[in-house]
């Protein structure tokens, strides 16, 4: 399993590493594309800048933030056009109307759930509607 993941990571790295500009740092050590992608993946896994900064990476929150922003920009430029296919306006209207027919929800727009998890603290008496499903 580890070799499979390592192979996938190396394939990703080979596709994107030329798109990263040389880094700058106050300590004179540049952050490599490999390190930037690893920091980005750790952020996605933990959703915490502080966790990455605290546990052995000796990076400021600003440096971690820079890695994340750089990766988002590089991945967006390279992969969105290649893999994300948006429908035409007519296709979107058709999908909205079909969704309305099947669900009885109003066909107000074409959209998608982005998978975000927003932590909330509801009042005790109103907890149940906020439970994860």
N, C-alpha and C. Protein backbone atom coordinates (compact mmCIF):
# COMPACT_ATOMS: atom_id res chain seq x y z
N UNK A 1 0.83 -1.20 0.00
CA UNK A 1 0.00 0.00 0.00
C UNK A 1 0.87 1.25 0.00
N UNK A 2 1.93 1.26 0.83
CA UNK A 2 2.79 2.43 0.92
C UNK A 2 3.43 2.74 -0.43
N UNK A 3 3.92 1.71 -1.13
CA UNK A 3 4.55 1.94 -2.43
C UNK A 3 3.56 2.49 -3.45
N UNK A 4 2.32 2.05 -3.38
CA UNK A 4 1.29 2.56 -4.28
C UNK A 4 1.07 4.04 -4.02
N UNK A 5 0.96 4.42 -2.76
CA UNK A 5 0.75 5.82 -2.42
C UNK A 5 1.98 6.64 -2.81
N UNK A 6 3.16 6.11 -2.55
CA UNK A 6 4.40 6.80 -2.91
C UNK A 6 4.47 6.98 -4.43
N UNK A 7 4.09 5.96 -5.19
CA UNK A 7 4.09 6.08 -6.65
C UNK A 7 3.13 7.16 -7.13
N UNK A 8 1.95 7.22 -6.52
CA UNK A 8 0.96 8.24 -6.88
C UNK A 8 1.48 9.62 -6.53
N UNK A 9 2.09 9.75 -5.36
CA UNK A 9 2.64 11.03 -4.95
C UNK A 9 3.73 11.48 -5.92
N UNK A 10 4.62 10.56 -6.28
CA UNK A 10 5.71 10.91 -7.20
C UNK A 10 5.18 11.30 -8.58
N UNK A 11 4.09 10.66 -9.03
CA UNK A 11 3.46 11.03 -10.29
C UNK A 11 2.90 12.45 -10.20
N UNK A 12 2.21 12.76 -9.11
CA UNK A 12 1.70 14.11 -8.90
C UNK A 12 2.85 15.11 -8.88
N UNK A 13 3.89 14.80 -8.15
CA UNK A 13 5.04 15.70 -8.04
C UNK A 13 5.66 15.95 -9.41
N UNK A 14 5.80 14.91 -10.21
CA UNK A 14 6.42 15.09 -11.53
C UNK A 14 5.57 15.98 -12.44
N UNK A 15 4.27 15.98 -12.26
CA UNK A 15 3.40 16.82 -13.08
C UNK A 15 3.43 18.28 -12.67
N UNK A 16 3.69 18.57 -11.40
CA UNK A 16 3.53 19.94 -10.92
C UNK A 16 4.82 20.64 -10.52
N UNK A 17 5.90 19.93 -10.28
CA UNK A 17 7.05 20.59 -9.67
C UNK A 17 7.64 21.73 -10.50
N UNK A 18 7.52 21.68 -11.80
CA UNK A 18 8.02 22.78 -12.63
C UNK A 18 7.20 24.05 -12.52
N UNK A 19 6.03 23.98 -11.94
CA UNK A 19 5.16 25.13 -11.82
C UNK A 19 5.39 25.92 -10.53
N UNK A 20 6.18 25.40 -9.62
CA UNK A 20 6.47 26.10 -8.37
C UNK A 20 7.66 27.02 -8.57
N UNK A 21 7.51 28.28 -8.17
CA UNK A 21 8.64 29.20 -8.25
C UNK A 21 9.55 28.94 -7.05
N UNK A 22 10.83 29.27 -7.18
CA UNK A 22 11.74 29.06 -6.05
C UNK A 22 11.24 29.82 -4.82
N UNK A 23 11.28 29.19 -3.70
CA UNK A 23 10.81 29.81 -2.47
C UNK A 23 11.83 30.77 -1.88
N UNK A 24 11.36 31.59 -0.98
CA UNK A 24 12.22 32.50 -0.25
C UNK A 24 11.93 32.30 1.23
N UNK A 25 12.95 32.38 2.04
CA UNK A 25 12.71 32.27 3.47
C UNK A 25 13.71 33.11 4.23
N UNK A 26 13.37 33.43 5.45
CA UNK A 26 14.25 34.25 6.28
C UNK A 26 15.49 33.48 6.72
N UNK A 27 15.39 32.14 6.79
CA UNK A 27 16.52 31.36 7.24
C UNK A 27 17.42 30.90 6.09
N UNK A 28 17.12 31.34 4.88
CA UNK A 28 17.95 31.01 3.73
C UNK A 28 17.70 29.64 3.13
N UNK A 29 16.72 28.92 3.65
CA UNK A 29 16.41 27.58 3.15
C UNK A 29 15.12 27.64 2.36
N UNK A 30 15.19 27.28 1.10
CA UNK A 30 14.01 27.29 0.25
C UNK A 30 13.18 26.03 0.48
N UNK A 31 11.88 26.15 0.41
CA UNK A 31 10.98 25.01 0.58
C UNK A 31 10.79 24.36 -0.79
N UNK A 32 11.13 23.10 -0.90
CA UNK A 32 11.05 22.40 -2.19
C UNK A 32 9.59 22.14 -2.58
N UNK A 33 9.33 21.89 -3.87
CA UNK A 33 7.97 21.53 -4.27
C UNK A 33 7.45 20.30 -3.52
N UNK A 34 8.30 19.33 -3.29
CA UNK A 34 7.89 18.13 -2.56
C UNK A 34 7.43 18.49 -1.16
N UNK A 35 8.20 19.33 -0.46
CA UNK A 35 7.83 19.75 0.89
C UNK A 35 6.53 20.57 0.88
N UNK A 36 6.36 21.42 -0.12
CA UNK A 36 5.16 22.24 -0.20
C UNK A 36 3.91 21.36 -0.36
N UNK A 37 4.02 20.36 -1.24
CA UNK A 37 2.87 19.47 -1.45
C UNK A 37 2.59 18.66 -0.19
N UNK A 38 3.63 18.17 0.49
CA UNK A 38 3.42 17.42 1.73
C UNK A 38 2.76 18.29 2.80
N UNK A 39 3.20 19.54 2.92
CA UNK A 39 2.57 20.45 3.88
C UNK A 39 1.11 20.66 3.51
N UNK A 40 0.83 20.85 2.22
CA UNK A 40 -0.54 21.03 1.75
C UNK A 40 -1.39 19.81 2.09
N UNK A 41 -0.89 18.62 1.83
CA UNK A 41 -1.64 17.40 2.13
C UNK A 41 -1.86 17.23 3.63
N UNK A 42 -0.85 17.59 4.44
CA UNK A 42 -1.02 17.52 5.89
C UNK A 42 -2.09 18.50 6.36
N UNK A 43 -2.13 19.69 5.73
CA UNK A 43 -3.17 20.65 6.09
C UNK A 43 -4.54 20.10 5.73
N UNK A 44 -4.68 19.51 4.54
CA UNK A 44 -5.96 18.94 4.16
C UNK A 44 -6.38 17.84 5.13
N UNK A 45 -5.43 17.05 5.60
CA UNK A 45 -5.74 15.96 6.52
C UNK A 45 -6.09 16.46 7.92
N UNK A 46 -5.45 17.56 8.36
CA UNK A 46 -5.64 18.02 9.73
C UNK A 46 -6.52 19.26 9.84
N UNK A 47 -6.61 20.05 8.76
CA UNK A 47 -7.32 21.32 8.74
C UNK A 47 -6.80 22.26 9.83
N UNK A 48 -5.48 22.22 10.05
CA UNK A 48 -4.91 23.04 11.11
C UNK A 48 -3.53 23.55 10.73
N UNK A 49 -3.38 24.87 10.64
CA UNK A 49 -2.06 25.44 10.39
C UNK A 49 -1.15 25.24 11.59
N UNK A 50 -1.71 25.40 12.79
CA UNK A 50 -0.92 25.28 14.01
C UNK A 50 -0.34 23.90 14.20
N UNK A 51 -1.09 22.88 13.86
CA UNK A 51 -0.62 21.50 14.02
C UNK A 51 0.63 21.27 13.19
N UNK A 52 0.62 21.76 11.96
CA UNK A 52 1.77 21.57 11.08
C UNK A 52 2.96 22.36 11.60
N UNK A 53 2.73 23.58 12.06
CA UNK A 53 3.81 24.42 12.56
C UNK A 53 4.44 23.84 13.82
N UNK A 54 3.62 23.26 14.70
CA UNK A 54 4.12 22.78 15.98
C UNK A 54 4.87 21.48 15.91
N UNK A 55 4.47 20.56 15.05
CA UNK A 55 5.00 19.21 15.12
C UNK A 55 6.15 18.95 14.16
N UNK A 56 7.31 19.53 14.47
CA UNK A 56 8.54 19.14 13.82
C UNK A 56 8.87 19.76 12.49
N UNK A 57 8.07 20.68 12.02
CA UNK A 57 8.36 21.23 10.70
C UNK A 57 9.09 22.57 10.79
N UNK A 58 9.16 23.12 11.98
CA UNK A 58 9.88 24.37 12.22
C UNK A 58 9.52 25.43 11.18
N UNK A 59 8.24 25.53 10.89
CA UNK A 59 7.75 26.52 9.94
C UNK A 59 6.77 27.43 10.64
N UNK A 60 6.83 28.69 10.28
CA UNK A 60 5.85 29.62 10.83
C UNK A 60 4.50 29.36 10.19
N UNK A 61 3.46 29.85 10.84
CA UNK A 61 2.12 29.72 10.27
C UNK A 61 2.06 30.43 8.92
N UNK A 62 2.80 31.53 8.77
CA UNK A 62 2.84 32.25 7.50
C UNK A 62 3.45 31.42 6.38
N UNK A 63 4.53 30.68 6.71
CA UNK A 63 5.16 29.82 5.71
C UNK A 63 4.23 28.68 5.31
N UNK A 64 3.53 28.11 6.30
CA UNK A 64 2.57 27.04 6.01
C UNK A 64 1.45 27.59 5.13
N UNK A 65 0.95 28.77 5.48
CA UNK A 65 -0.11 29.42 4.71
C UNK A 65 0.36 29.65 3.27
N UNK A 66 1.61 30.07 3.11
CA UNK A 66 2.16 30.29 1.77
C UNK A 66 2.22 28.99 0.95
N UNK A 67 2.60 27.89 1.60
CA UNK A 67 2.63 26.58 0.93
C UNK A 67 1.23 26.20 0.45
N UNK A 68 0.26 26.39 1.31
CA UNK A 68 -1.12 26.02 0.98
C UNK A 68 -1.62 26.85 -0.21
N UNK A 69 -1.39 28.17 -0.14
CA UNK A 69 -1.84 29.04 -1.23
C UNK A 69 -1.16 28.69 -2.55
N UNK A 70 0.14 28.45 -2.49
CA UNK A 70 0.89 28.11 -3.70
C UNK A 70 0.36 26.82 -4.32
N UNK A 71 0.13 25.81 -3.49
CA UNK A 71 -0.39 24.53 -4.00
C UNK A 71 -1.77 24.69 -4.62
N UNK A 72 -2.62 25.44 -3.97
CA UNK A 72 -3.96 25.67 -4.52
C UNK A 72 -3.86 26.34 -5.88
N UNK A 73 -3.01 27.35 -6.00
CA UNK A 73 -2.86 28.04 -7.29
C UNK A 73 -2.30 27.12 -8.37
N UNK A 74 -1.27 26.35 -8.04
CA UNK A 74 -0.67 25.45 -9.02
C UNK A 74 -1.66 24.37 -9.43
N UNK A 75 -2.31 23.72 -8.46
CA UNK A 75 -3.25 22.65 -8.78
C UNK A 75 -4.43 23.18 -9.58
N UNK A 76 -4.89 24.39 -9.25
CA UNK A 76 -6.01 24.98 -9.99
C UNK A 76 -5.63 25.20 -11.45
N UNK A 77 -4.46 25.81 -11.66
CA UNK A 77 -4.03 26.09 -13.03
C UNK A 77 -3.87 24.81 -13.85
N UNK A 78 -3.33 23.77 -13.24
CA UNK A 78 -3.02 22.56 -13.99
C UNK A 78 -4.18 21.59 -14.12
N UNK A 79 -5.00 21.45 -13.09
CA UNK A 79 -5.95 20.34 -13.07
C UNK A 79 -7.41 20.71 -13.29
N UNK A 80 -7.79 21.95 -13.03
CA UNK A 80 -9.21 22.29 -13.17
C UNK A 80 -9.67 22.13 -14.61
N UNK A 81 -8.95 22.71 -15.57
CA UNK A 81 -9.35 22.59 -16.98
C UNK A 81 -9.28 21.14 -17.46
N UNK A 82 -8.33 20.41 -16.91
CA UNK A 82 -8.11 19.02 -17.35
C UNK A 82 -9.19 18.07 -16.82
N UNK A 83 -9.64 18.27 -15.58
CA UNK A 83 -10.52 17.29 -14.95
C UNK A 83 -11.92 17.77 -14.60
N UNK A 84 -12.13 19.08 -14.46
CA UNK A 84 -13.44 19.59 -14.07
C UNK A 84 -14.19 20.01 -15.33
N UNK A 85 -15.28 19.32 -15.60
CA UNK A 85 -16.09 19.62 -16.78
C UNK A 85 -17.43 20.18 -16.33
N UNK A 86 -17.64 21.46 -16.57
CA UNK A 86 -18.90 22.10 -16.21
C UNK A 86 -19.89 21.96 -17.36
N UNK A 87 -21.16 21.86 -17.04
CA UNK A 87 -22.16 21.73 -18.10
C UNK A 87 -22.37 23.06 -18.82
N UNK A 88 -22.94 22.97 -20.00
CA UNK A 88 -23.34 24.18 -20.70
C UNK A 88 -24.54 24.78 -19.97
N UNK A 89 -24.93 25.98 -20.35
CA UNK A 89 -26.08 26.61 -19.70
C UNK A 89 -27.35 25.78 -19.91
N UNK A 90 -27.54 25.26 -21.12
CA UNK A 90 -28.73 24.44 -21.40
C UNK A 90 -28.72 23.14 -20.58
N UNK A 91 -27.54 22.51 -20.48
CA UNK A 91 -27.44 21.29 -19.69
C UNK A 91 -27.74 21.57 -18.21
N UNK A 92 -27.23 22.70 -17.70
CA UNK A 92 -27.47 23.05 -16.30
C UNK A 92 -28.95 23.30 -16.04
N UNK A 93 -29.62 23.99 -16.97
CA UNK A 93 -31.06 24.23 -16.81
C UNK A 93 -31.83 22.92 -16.82
N UNK A 94 -31.46 22.03 -17.74
CA UNK A 94 -32.11 20.71 -17.81
C UNK A 94 -31.92 19.94 -16.50
N UNK A 95 -30.69 19.94 -15.97
CA UNK A 95 -30.40 19.24 -14.72
C UNK A 95 -31.20 19.83 -13.56
N UNK A 96 -31.30 21.17 -13.50
CA UNK A 96 -32.06 21.81 -12.42
C UNK A 96 -33.53 21.43 -12.50
N UNK A 97 -34.08 21.43 -13.70
CA UNK A 97 -35.49 21.04 -13.86
C UNK A 97 -35.71 19.56 -13.53
N UNK A 98 -34.79 18.71 -13.93
CA UNK A 98 -34.89 17.28 -13.62
C UNK A 98 -34.78 17.05 -12.12
N UNK A 99 -33.88 17.78 -11.47
CA UNK A 99 -33.74 17.67 -10.01
C UNK A 99 -35.04 18.11 -9.33
N UNK A 100 -35.63 19.19 -9.84
CA UNK A 100 -36.91 19.65 -9.31
C UNK A 100 -37.99 18.60 -9.47
N UNK A 101 -38.03 17.97 -10.63
CA UNK A 101 -39.05 16.95 -10.88
C UNK A 101 -38.89 15.77 -9.92
N UNK A 102 -37.65 15.36 -9.67
CA UNK A 102 -37.41 14.20 -8.81
C UNK A 102 -37.52 14.51 -7.32
N UNK A 103 -37.16 15.74 -6.93
CA UNK A 103 -37.07 16.04 -5.50
C UNK A 103 -38.10 17.03 -5.00
N UNK A 104 -38.75 17.73 -5.90
CA UNK A 104 -39.69 18.78 -5.55
C UNK A 104 -39.01 20.00 -4.93
N UNK A 105 -37.72 20.12 -5.11
CA UNK A 105 -37.00 21.32 -4.71
C UNK A 105 -37.08 22.32 -5.85
N UNK A 106 -37.12 23.60 -5.56
CA UNK A 106 -37.22 24.59 -6.64
C UNK A 106 -35.96 24.59 -7.51
N UNK A 107 -36.13 24.72 -8.82
CA UNK A 107 -34.98 24.74 -9.73
C UNK A 107 -34.33 26.12 -9.78
N UNK A 108 -33.73 26.54 -8.66
CA UNK A 108 -33.23 27.90 -8.58
C UNK A 108 -31.84 28.07 -9.19
N UNK A 109 -31.03 27.02 -9.14
CA UNK A 109 -29.68 27.16 -9.70
C UNK A 109 -29.04 25.79 -9.86
N UNK A 110 -27.95 25.80 -10.59
CA UNK A 110 -27.14 24.60 -10.70
C UNK A 110 -26.01 24.76 -9.71
N UNK A 111 -25.80 23.77 -8.86
CA UNK A 111 -24.73 23.87 -7.86
C UNK A 111 -24.34 22.48 -7.41
N UNK A 112 -23.35 22.43 -6.53
CA UNK A 112 -22.89 21.15 -6.00
C UNK A 112 -22.51 21.32 -4.54
N UNK A 113 -22.60 20.25 -3.81
CA UNK A 113 -22.15 20.26 -2.42
C UNK A 113 -20.63 20.17 -2.45
N UNK A 114 -19.96 21.04 -1.73
CA UNK A 114 -18.50 21.07 -1.80
C UNK A 114 -17.81 20.21 -0.76
N UNK A 115 -18.56 19.57 0.11
CA UNK A 115 -17.95 18.69 1.11
C UNK A 115 -17.42 19.41 2.33
N UNK A 116 -17.70 20.69 2.46
CA UNK A 116 -17.24 21.44 3.63
C UNK A 116 -17.93 20.94 4.89
N UNK A 117 -17.19 20.95 5.97
CA UNK A 117 -17.78 20.64 7.26
C UNK A 117 -17.63 21.89 8.11
N UNK A 118 -18.73 22.46 8.51
CA UNK A 118 -18.70 23.68 9.31
C UNK A 118 -19.10 23.31 10.73
N UNK A 119 -18.17 23.50 11.65
CA UNK A 119 -18.42 23.16 13.05
C UNK A 119 -19.32 24.24 13.66
N UNK A 120 -20.40 23.82 14.28
CA UNK A 120 -21.32 24.73 14.96
C UNK A 120 -21.54 24.24 16.38
N UNK A 121 -21.93 25.16 17.24
CA UNK A 121 -22.27 24.81 18.61
C UNK A 121 -23.72 25.21 18.84
N UNK A 122 -24.65 24.29 18.61
CA UNK A 122 -26.06 24.63 18.77
C UNK A 122 -26.45 24.66 20.25
N UNK A 123 -27.56 25.30 20.53
CA UNK A 123 -28.09 25.27 21.89
C UNK A 123 -28.48 23.83 22.21
N UNK A 124 -28.40 23.45 23.46
CA UNK A 124 -28.68 22.08 23.90
C UNK A 124 -30.04 21.60 23.41
N UNK A 125 -31.06 22.43 23.52
CA UNK A 125 -32.40 21.96 23.15
C UNK A 125 -32.57 21.83 21.63
N UNK A 126 -31.65 22.42 20.85
CA UNK A 126 -31.76 22.36 19.39
C UNK A 126 -30.66 21.50 18.76
N UNK A 127 -30.06 20.60 19.49
CA UNK A 127 -28.91 19.85 18.97
C UNK A 127 -29.25 18.91 17.82
N UNK A 128 -30.34 18.20 17.91
CA UNK A 128 -30.61 17.11 16.97
C UNK A 128 -30.55 17.51 15.49
N UNK A 129 -31.11 18.64 15.08
CA UNK A 129 -31.03 18.98 13.65
C UNK A 129 -29.59 19.20 13.14
N UNK A 130 -28.65 19.38 14.07
CA UNK A 130 -27.26 19.66 13.68
C UNK A 130 -26.37 18.43 13.70
N UNK A 131 -26.87 17.28 14.08
CA UNK A 131 -26.06 16.06 14.14
C UNK A 131 -25.58 15.68 12.75
N UNK A 132 -24.35 15.15 12.70
CA UNK A 132 -23.83 14.64 11.43
C UNK A 132 -24.61 13.41 11.03
N UNK A 133 -24.79 13.23 9.75
CA UNK A 133 -25.47 12.07 9.22
C UNK A 133 -24.59 11.32 8.28
